[in-house]
Protein backbone atom coordinates (compact mmCIF):
# COMPACT_ATOMS: atom_id res chain seq x y z
CA MET A 1 22.66 2.26 -5.43
CA LYS A 2 18.91 2.95 -5.56
CA THR A 3 18.20 -0.74 -6.05
CA LEU A 4 20.39 -1.74 -3.11
CA LEU A 5 18.75 0.84 -0.84
CA ASN A 6 15.30 -0.27 -2.00
CA LEU A 7 16.10 -3.91 -1.21
CA ILE A 8 17.38 -3.07 2.27
CA TRP A 9 14.35 -0.81 2.76
CA LEU A 10 11.99 -3.58 1.67
CA VAL A 11 13.41 -6.00 4.23
CA LEU A 12 13.66 -3.61 7.17
CA CYS A 13 10.50 -1.52 6.97
CA GLY A 14 9.06 -1.14 3.46
CA PHE A 15 7.00 -4.31 3.52
CA TRP A 16 5.40 -3.45 6.86
CA MET A 17 4.69 0.16 5.93
CA ALA A 18 3.12 -0.97 2.65
CA ILE A 19 0.90 -3.39 4.56
CA GLY A 20 -0.27 -0.48 6.74
CA TYR A 21 -1.20 1.54 3.66
CA VAL A 22 -2.94 -1.45 2.05
CA LEU A 23 -4.98 -2.02 5.22
CA ALA A 24 -5.97 1.65 5.28
CA GLY A 25 -6.90 1.39 1.59
CA ILE A 26 -9.04 -1.70 2.14
CA ILE A 27 -10.87 -0.05 5.03
CA CYS A 28 -11.44 3.06 2.92
CA CYS A 29 -12.70 1.02 -0.05
CA VAL A 30 -15.15 -0.94 2.10
CA LEU A 31 -16.86 2.33 2.94
CA ILE A 32 -18.15 3.45 -0.44
CA ILE A 33 -17.80 7.20 0.10
CA THR A 34 -14.08 6.97 0.94
CA ILE A 35 -12.98 5.08 -2.20
CA PRO A 36 -10.77 8.01 -3.38
CA PHE A 37 -8.87 7.74 -0.09
CA GLY A 38 -8.46 4.01 -0.67
CA ILE A 39 -7.05 4.58 -4.15
CA ALA A 40 -4.62 7.18 -2.77
CA SER A 41 -3.61 4.76 -0.03
CA PHE A 42 -2.87 1.98 -2.53
CA ARG A 43 -0.82 4.44 -4.60
CA ILE A 44 1.22 5.41 -1.54
CA ALA A 45 1.65 1.72 -0.61
CA GLY A 46 3.63 1.23 -3.81
CA TYR A 47 5.71 4.28 -2.99
CA ALA A 48 6.29 3.06 0.58
CA LEU A 49 7.34 -0.32 -0.78
CA TRP A 50 10.01 1.06 -3.16
CA PRO A 51 10.74 4.77 -2.35
CA PHE A 52 14.28 5.34 -3.60
CA GLY A 53 14.37 6.80 -7.10
CA ARG A 54 10.95 8.41 -6.80
CA THR A 55 9.59 11.63 -5.33
CA THR A 56 6.30 13.47 -5.00
CA VAL A 57 5.14 16.64 -6.70
CA GLU A 58 2.01 18.73 -6.35
CA ARG A 59 -0.67 18.30 -8.99
CA ARG A 60 -1.74 21.50 -10.72
CA ASP A 61 -5.36 20.39 -11.05
CA ALA A 62 -5.82 19.76 -7.30
CA GLY A 63 -8.37 22.10 -5.82
CA ALA A 64 -10.60 22.58 -2.82
CA GLY A 65 -11.79 18.97 -2.97
CA SER A 66 -8.32 17.65 -2.27
CA LEU A 67 -7.93 20.14 0.60
CA ILE A 68 -11.14 18.94 2.25
CA GLY A 69 -10.21 15.32 1.51
CA ASN A 70 -6.77 15.77 3.08
CA ILE A 71 -8.32 17.16 6.26
CA ILE A 72 -10.62 14.12 6.49
CA TRP A 73 -7.66 11.82 5.73
CA ILE A 74 -5.53 13.34 8.52
CA VAL A 75 -8.29 12.76 11.06
CA PHE A 76 -9.05 9.15 10.16
CA ALA A 77 -5.85 7.57 8.78
CA GLY A 78 -3.04 10.02 8.15
CA TRP A 79 -1.94 10.64 11.71
CA TRP A 80 -1.29 7.00 12.58
CA LEU A 81 0.53 6.33 9.30
CA ALA A 82 2.70 9.40 9.89
CA LEU A 83 3.33 8.20 13.45
CA ALA A 84 4.47 4.84 12.06
CA HIS A 85 6.90 6.64 9.73
CA ILE A 86 8.25 8.73 12.61
CA THR A 87 8.71 5.66 14.82
CA THR A 88 10.45 3.54 12.20
CA GLY A 89 12.50 6.51 10.99
CA ILE A 90 13.88 7.14 14.48
CA ALA A 91 14.56 3.42 14.98
CA LEU A 92 16.42 3.18 11.66
CA CYS A 93 18.57 6.23 12.44
CA PHE A 94 20.18 4.38 15.38
CA THR A 95 22.51 2.55 12.97
CA ILE A 96 24.81 4.05 10.36
CA ILE A 97 23.40 1.84 7.60
CA GLY A 98 19.86 2.78 8.60
CA ILE A 99 20.34 6.57 8.41
CA PRO A 100 19.42 6.87 4.69
CA LEU A 101 16.42 4.64 5.36
CA GLY A 102 15.36 6.78 8.30
CA ILE A 103 15.62 9.88 6.14
CA ALA A 104 13.45 8.17 3.51
CA ASN A 105 10.91 7.43 6.23
CA PHE A 106 10.85 11.09 7.19
CA LYS A 107 10.43 11.95 3.48
CA LEU A 108 7.23 9.88 3.42
CA ILE A 109 5.58 11.77 6.30
CA PRO A 110 4.16 14.66 4.22
CA ILE A 111 2.49 12.35 1.70
CA SER A 112 1.17 10.12 4.49
CA LEU A 113 -0.53 13.18 6.00
CA LEU A 114 -1.67 14.89 2.78
CA PRO A 115 -1.96 12.30 -0.04
CA LEU A 116 -4.56 13.99 -2.22
CA GLY A 117 -3.25 16.52 -4.71
CA ARG A 118 0.19 14.86 -4.92
CA GLU A 119 1.67 12.69 -7.63
CA ILE A 120 4.53 10.19 -7.37
CA VAL A 121 7.12 10.58 -10.16
CA PRO A 122 10.64 9.27 -10.84
CA THR A 123 13.39 11.51 -9.46
CA ASP A 124 14.89 12.02 -12.90
CA ARG A 125 11.78 13.97 -13.98
CA PRO A 126 10.26 15.70 -10.91
CA PHE A 127 9.07 18.72 -12.92
CA ALA A 128 7.47 16.78 -15.76
CA THR A 129 3.93 17.19 -14.41
CA ARG A 130 4.13 20.92 -13.76
């Protein structure tokens, strides 16, 4: 079931959302000081491309640096990526088949706003990193 949902997701919105994250990552990597944001954006692009069967957990070693980095991320890239998730999530919820995909879009909003200090893990072991 996860594979089927991931394939439908990929066709309807996953590919376009991943492109948005890759573009944000490229822009962040061009500016040398924001390379950690670019790496986080590329990591989330893979998650946005194939979200079913994976989840996010907080990293125990995340500290004040990730808090400051998340605030900078929200200002420069996070808000428009979260807005894209909200828009596509609402659009997908208009059909019965799209409701699980819309919910997955809404699930991606927190990591699109606060990517630093989070780790993407398979759903069968969400507590493995704690």
